[in-house]
Amino acid sequence: MSGYRENHDMTQTDIALLLADAADEVEIGIAPVQAVIRGGRRRRARRWAVAAATTLALAGSTGATLAFAGLPGVHADQVTPTVSRPLSAKARHVYEPQQTELARGTEHGKEWRVWVQVWGAPRDAREADRQFDAMKRMGLRPYVDKAELVGRSSYFSFRSYGDSLSLGVMFDTAERVDRLSGTDLQAAAVPLDEEPSATAPDRLVVGHVAKTAREVTCRWKDGTSTVARPADPSPGTLDGTALIRPVAGYPGGNWFVCVGPEGTSLKDAKVTK
């Protein structure tokens, strides 16, 4: 599989287990924490798990983090400070995620789609139990136990192709998420129209970048490149093989998609503007 690899010692058994999980709806198990280089310092990356042993691609550096929103805040006026009423679980998208379609297209007469789900953080064990059950009904399985969902938001990105089962591309459950800046980039590459395997070309790249990023260049092993730019915000502009767009409920940055030519795989991806 393509991508940047560091300390990635997965065995064929590990890969087989991940493939089996991906084949069961979009149910995904625990993937190992990646040790990566960011800003010249060795540190633990977020547990962004990537389906079918596809590695996490990172570039640039990041320092700031952002606590997840959605908790009741304090609002002040010029007379008397007041506290807003707590948002309901429904308003926080605890049981029904916010979903954003990133891109879609047609390959060999079949439609492919890429989308992201954002689940709000449960506040207590009861909400966590209900969220876990809601995820299970959708065929999802976070890498943490249901009790550990309390105070943590979850993110899942998917790829579908034709009538085949959806493939989980990247996913995470965390108390807070890195706010990307500058040329920061986190991404994964998977096959567009095939199931992940040792021979399938990884030519669909899905990832996220800083909100200030205006251009992502994906370079392919055949020597060509694809440039993703911010999508037109108008409705009906999801068609395309190279787009950058915001995802509802995701505070860390914008997401992007690149699709490479048939038969090739990702060489690297960088923020170029």
Protein backbone atom coordinates (compact mmCIF):
# COMPACT_ATOMS: atom_id res chain seq x y z
CA MET A 1 0.00 0.00 0.00
CA SER A 2 1.23 3.53 -0.60
CA GLY A 3 2.01 6.35 1.76
CA TYR A 4 4.78 7.42 4.10
CA ARG A 5 5.84 4.56 6.34
CA GLU A 6 7.57 4.85 9.73
CA ASN A 7 7.74 2.15 12.36
CA HIS A 8 5.03 0.32 10.44
CA ASP A 9 5.69 -3.35 11.22
CA MET A 10 2.31 -4.87 10.43
CA THR A 11 2.30 -8.56 9.63
CA GLN A 12 0.19 -10.22 6.95
CA THR A 13 -2.07 -11.41 9.78
CA ASP A 14 -2.59 -7.81 10.91
CA ILE A 15 -3.44 -6.79 7.36
CA ALA A 16 -5.84 -9.71 6.95
CA LEU A 17 -7.66 -8.73 10.13
CA LEU A 18 -8.04 -5.14 8.95
CA LEU A 19 -9.28 -6.32 5.56
CA ALA A 20 -11.82 -8.57 7.25
CA ASP A 21 -13.05 -5.65 9.34
CA ALA A 22 -13.35 -3.40 6.29
CA ALA A 23 -15.40 -6.05 4.50
CA ASP A 24 -17.97 -6.18 7.29
CA GLU A 25 -20.01 -3.14 6.31
CA VAL A 26 -17.56 -0.41 7.29
CA GLU A 27 -16.64 -1.99 10.59
CA ILE A 28 -13.06 -1.17 11.48
CA GLY A 29 -10.90 -2.40 14.33
CA ILE A 30 -7.99 -0.90 16.21
CA ALA A 31 -4.97 0.09 14.17
CA PRO A 32 -1.56 0.82 15.72
CA VAL A 33 -0.48 4.30 16.73
CA GLN A 34 1.91 5.68 14.12
CA ALA A 35 5.22 7.18 15.27
CA VAL A 36 5.87 10.13 12.97
CA ILE A 37 8.11 13.14 12.47
CA ARG A 38 6.47 16.54 12.86
CA GLY A 39 8.41 19.75 12.89
CA GLY A 40 11.70 17.95 13.44
CA ARG A 41 10.62 16.35 16.72
CA ARG A 42 9.63 12.75 17.20
CA ARG A 43 6.21 12.51 18.78
CA ARG A 44 3.17 10.30 18.87
CA ALA A 45 0.68 11.05 16.14
CA ARG A 46 -3.03 11.05 16.76
CA ARG A 47 -4.53 7.63 16.49
CA TRP A 48 -5.74 8.20 12.97
CA ALA A 49 -6.32 4.64 11.94
CA VAL A 50 -6.14 3.82 8.27
CA ALA A 51 -8.02 0.92 6.73
CA ALA A 52 -6.23 -2.08 5.24
CA ALA A 53 -2.79 -1.12 6.53
CA THR A 54 -2.58 2.04 4.41
CA THR A 55 -0.21 4.35 6.24
CA LEU A 56 -0.79 7.85 7.50
CA ALA A 57 0.86 10.55 5.40
CA LEU A 58 2.01 13.64 7.24
CA ALA A 59 3.86 16.74 6.11
CA GLY A 60 4.73 20.02 7.78
CA SER A 61 4.46 20.67 11.50
CA THR A 62 1.70 21.45 13.93
CA GLY A 63 1.74 22.81 17.42
CA ALA A 64 -1.65 24.09 18.46
CA THR A 65 -4.58 21.92 19.37
CA LEU A 66 -8.25 22.76 19.62
CA ALA A 67 -10.67 21.41 22.19
CA PHE A 68 -13.86 20.13 20.64
CA ALA A 69 -16.81 22.47 20.65
CA GLY A 70 -20.37 21.54 21.49
CA LEU A 71 -20.31 21.96 25.27
CA PRO A 72 -22.47 24.63 26.91
CA GLY A 73 -20.68 27.97 27.02
CA VAL A 74 -20.97 31.18 29.02
CA HIS A 75 -22.37 34.22 27.26
CA ALA A 76 -22.01 37.73 28.67
CA ASP A 77 -24.01 40.84 27.88
CA GLN A 78 -23.60 44.37 29.12
CA VAL A 79 -25.96 43.90 32.06
CA THR A 80 -25.87 40.46 33.67
CA PRO A 81 -23.75 37.46 32.69
CA THR A 82 -25.93 34.54 31.69
CA VAL A 83 -25.23 30.88 31.05
CA SER A 84 -26.72 29.30 27.94
CA ARG A 85 -28.87 26.21 28.27
CA PRO A 86 -26.99 22.95 27.68
CA LEU A 87 -27.27 21.71 24.13
CA SER A 88 -29.18 18.47 23.71
CA ALA A 89 -27.52 15.29 22.50
CA LYS A 90 -29.43 15.70 19.25
CA ALA A 91 -28.10 19.23 18.76
CA ARG A 92 -24.58 17.96 19.43
CA HIS A 93 -24.99 15.12 16.89
CA VAL A 94 -24.24 12.43 19.46
CA TYR A 95 -26.61 9.82 18.02
CA GLU A 96 -26.78 10.95 14.41
CA PRO A 97 -23.55 12.23 12.85
CA GLN A 98 -23.04 15.23 10.66
CA GLN A 99 -22.17 13.94 7.21
CA THR A 100 -20.37 15.77 4.42
CA GLU A 101 -19.83 14.40 0.94
CA LEU A 102 -16.35 15.37 -0.28
CA ALA A 103 -16.41 14.19 -3.88
CA ARG A 104 -17.99 11.77 -6.33
CA GLY A 105 -17.42 10.55 -9.83
CA THR A 106 -17.79 7.63 -12.22
CA GLU A 107 -15.20 4.94 -12.93
CA HIS A 108 -15.84 2.07 -15.37
CA GLY A 109 -19.54 2.95 -15.40
CA LYS A 110 -19.88 2.78 -11.61
CA GLU A 111 -20.29 5.69 -9.21
CA TRP A 112 -17.74 6.30 -6.47
CA ARG A 113 -18.21 8.61 -3.50
CA VAL A 114 -16.09 9.90 -0.62
CA TRP A 115 -17.66 11.31 2.54
CA VAL A 116 -16.90 12.10 6.19
CA GLN A 117 -19.00 11.54 9.32
CA VAL A 118 -18.50 13.58 12.51
CA TRP A 119 -20.02 12.27 15.76
CA GLY A 120 -20.37 14.64 18.71
CA ALA A 121 -18.82 13.85 22.07
CA PRO A 122 -21.08 12.06 24.60
CA ARG A 123 -21.18 13.75 28.02
CA ASP A 124 -21.81 10.69 30.16
CA ALA A 125 -21.98 6.89 30.12
CA ARG A 126 -25.64 6.87 29.08
CA GLU A 127 -24.97 9.00 26.01
CA ALA A 128 -21.88 6.92 25.23
CA ASP A 129 -23.91 3.69 25.34
CA ARG A 130 -26.51 5.10 22.97
CA GLN A 131 -23.86 6.45 20.61
CA PHE A 132 -22.04 3.12 20.54
CA ASP A 133 -25.30 1.37 19.66
CA ALA A 134 -26.04 3.95 16.94
CA MET A 135 -22.59 3.39 15.44
CA LYS A 136 -23.06 -0.36 15.60
CA ARG A 137 -26.33 -0.10 13.66
CA MET A 138 -24.36 1.65 10.90
CA GLY A 139 -21.72 -1.05 10.91
CA LEU A 140 -19.14 1.15 12.64
CA ARG A 141 -16.87 0.21 15.50
CA PRO A 142 -14.64 2.84 17.12
CA TYR A 143 -11.25 1.66 18.33
CA VAL A 144 -12.08 2.57 21.96
CA ASP A 145 -14.50 0.90 24.35
CA LYS A 146 -17.90 2.53 24.73
CA ALA A 147 -16.96 3.96 28.15
CA GLU A 148 -14.04 5.77 26.53
CA LEU A 149 -16.36 7.58 24.13
CA VAL A 150 -17.32 10.00 26.93
CA GLY A 151 -15.89 13.42 26.16
CA ARG A 152 -14.55 12.32 22.77
CA SER A 153 -15.71 13.08 19.26
CA SER A 154 -15.36 10.53 16.47
CA TYR A 155 -14.55 11.00 12.80
CA PHE A 156 -14.87 8.49 9.97
CA SER A 157 -14.07 8.92 6.29
CA PHE A 158 -15.35 6.44 3.71
CA ARG A 159 -15.10 5.47 0.07
CA SER A 160 -17.85 3.65 -1.81
CA TYR A 161 -17.67 2.19 -5.32
CA GLY A 162 -20.68 0.83 -7.16
CA ASP A 163 -22.65 -1.69 -5.13
CA SER A 164 -19.66 -2.91 -3.11
CA LEU A 165 -19.44 -2.37 0.63
CA SER A 166 -18.08 0.98 1.79
CA LEU A 167 -14.43 1.11 2.81
CA GLY A 168 -13.30 3.07 5.85
CA VAL A 169 -10.31 5.22 4.89
CA MET A 170 -9.36 7.20 8.01
CA PHE A 171 -10.98 7.32 11.43
CA ASP A 172 -10.28 8.65 14.89
CA THR A 173 -11.89 9.06 18.31
CA ALA A 174 -10.27 11.77 20.40
CA GLU A 175 -10.89 14.30 23.15
CA ARG A 176 -9.33 17.00 21.02
CA VAL A 177 -7.97 17.27 17.51
CA ASP A 178 -4.90 19.02 16.15
CA ARG A 179 -5.73 22.27 14.40
CA LEU A 180 -3.64 22.04 11.25
CA SER A 181 -1.71 25.10 10.08
CA GLY A 182 0.63 26.15 7.31
CA THR A 183 1.61 23.16 5.17
CA ASP A 184 0.39 20.50 7.63
CA LEU A 185 -1.22 17.55 5.87
CA GLN A 186 -2.61 14.23 7.08
CA ALA A 187 -3.88 11.77 4.49
CA ALA A 188 -4.26 8.16 3.41
CA ALA A 189 -4.22 6.49 -0.01
CA VAL A 190 -6.45 3.54 -0.93
CA PRO A 191 -7.67 1.90 -4.16
CA LEU A 192 -10.48 3.73 -5.94
CA ASP A 193 -12.27 0.87 -7.68
CA GLU A 194 -10.80 -2.25 -6.05
CA GLU A 195 -10.60 -3.81 -2.64
CA PRO A 196 -7.32 -3.10 -0.82
CA SER A 197 -4.61 -5.64 -1.60
CA ALA A 198 -0.88 -5.89 -2.13
CA THR A 199 -1.33 -5.29 -5.87
CA ALA A 200 -4.23 -2.80 -6.03
CA PRO A 201 -2.98 0.70 -6.94
CA ASP A 202 -3.61 3.27 -4.20
CA ARG A 203 -4.79 6.17 -6.35
CA LEU A 204 -7.52 7.68 -4.16
CA VAL A 205 -6.07 10.09 -1.59
CA VAL A 206 -8.26 11.39 1.25
CA GLY A 207 -6.96 13.71 3.93
CA HIS A 208 -7.14 17.02 5.72
CA VAL A 209 -5.15 20.24 5.67
CA ALA A 210 -5.19 23.68 7.30
CA LYS A 211 -8.14 25.92 6.50
CA THR A 212 -5.67 28.33 4.89
CA ALA A 213 -4.46 25.75 2.36
CA ARG A 214 -5.44 26.74 -1.19
CA GLU A 215 -3.76 23.95 -3.12
CA VAL A 216 -2.73 20.33 -2.51
CA THR A 217 -0.55 18.57 -5.08
CA CYS A 218 -0.65 14.78 -5.24
CA ARG A 219 2.25 13.27 -7.19
CA TRP A 220 1.89 9.80 -8.67
CA LYS A 221 4.44 7.10 -9.35
CA ASP A 222 3.89 7.37 -13.11
CA GLY A 223 5.31 10.90 -13.04
CA THR A 224 2.00 12.77 -13.30
CA SER A 225 0.38 14.97 -10.66
CA THR A 226 -3.09 16.09 -9.60
CA VAL A 227 -3.83 19.46 -7.99
CA ALA A 228 -6.74 19.84 -5.56
CA ARG A 229 -8.17 23.31 -5.00
CA PRO A 230 -11.10 24.65 -2.93
CA ALA A 231 -14.42 23.46 -4.30
CA ASP A 232 -17.06 25.85 -5.53
CA PRO A 233 -19.45 26.29 -2.56
CA SER A 234 -22.46 26.21 -4.88
CA PRO A 235 -24.75 23.16 -4.62
CA GLY A 236 -24.08 20.35 -7.05
CA THR A 237 -20.31 20.85 -7.30
CA LEU A 238 -19.24 17.55 -5.75
CA ASP A 239 -18.26 15.97 -9.06
CA GLY A 240 -14.52 16.07 -9.49
CA THR A 241 -11.33 14.18 -8.78
CA ALA A 242 -9.44 16.93 -6.93
CA LEU A 243 -11.24 19.07 -4.36
CA ILE A 244 -10.68 20.81 -1.01
CA ARG A 245 -13.73 21.52 1.13
CA PRO A 246 -14.83 22.05 4.77
CA VAL A 247 -16.48 19.24 6.71
CA ALA A 248 -19.40 20.02 9.01
CA GLY A 249 -18.42 19.62 12.66
CA TYR A 250 -14.70 19.04 12.02
CA PRO A 251 -12.57 21.76 13.69
CA GLY A 252 -9.09 20.67 12.61
CA GLY A 253 -9.09 22.00 9.05
CA ASN A 254 -10.51 21.29 5.60
CA TRP A 255 -10.54 17.92 3.84
CA PHE A 256 -9.35 17.09 0.34
CA VAL A 257 -9.59 14.35 -2.27
CA CYS A 258 -7.20 13.52 -5.12
CA VAL A 259 -7.69 10.75 -7.70
CA GLY A 260 -4.77 9.53 -9.78
CA PRO A 261 -4.65 8.01 -13.27
CA GLU A 262 -5.61 4.37 -13.63
CA GLY A 263 -2.83 1.91 -12.84
CA THR A 264 -0.64 4.19 -10.71
CA SER A 265 -0.25 4.82 -6.97
CA LEU A 266 0.51 7.79 -4.76
CA LYS A 267 4.12 8.96 -4.50
CA ASP A 268 3.55 11.90 -2.16
CA ALA A 269 1.10 14.68 -1.33
CA LYS A 270 1.97 18.21 -0.24
CA VAL A 271 0.32 21.56 0.41
CA THR A 272 1.72 23.74 -2.36
CA LYS A 273 -0.20 26.97 -1.70
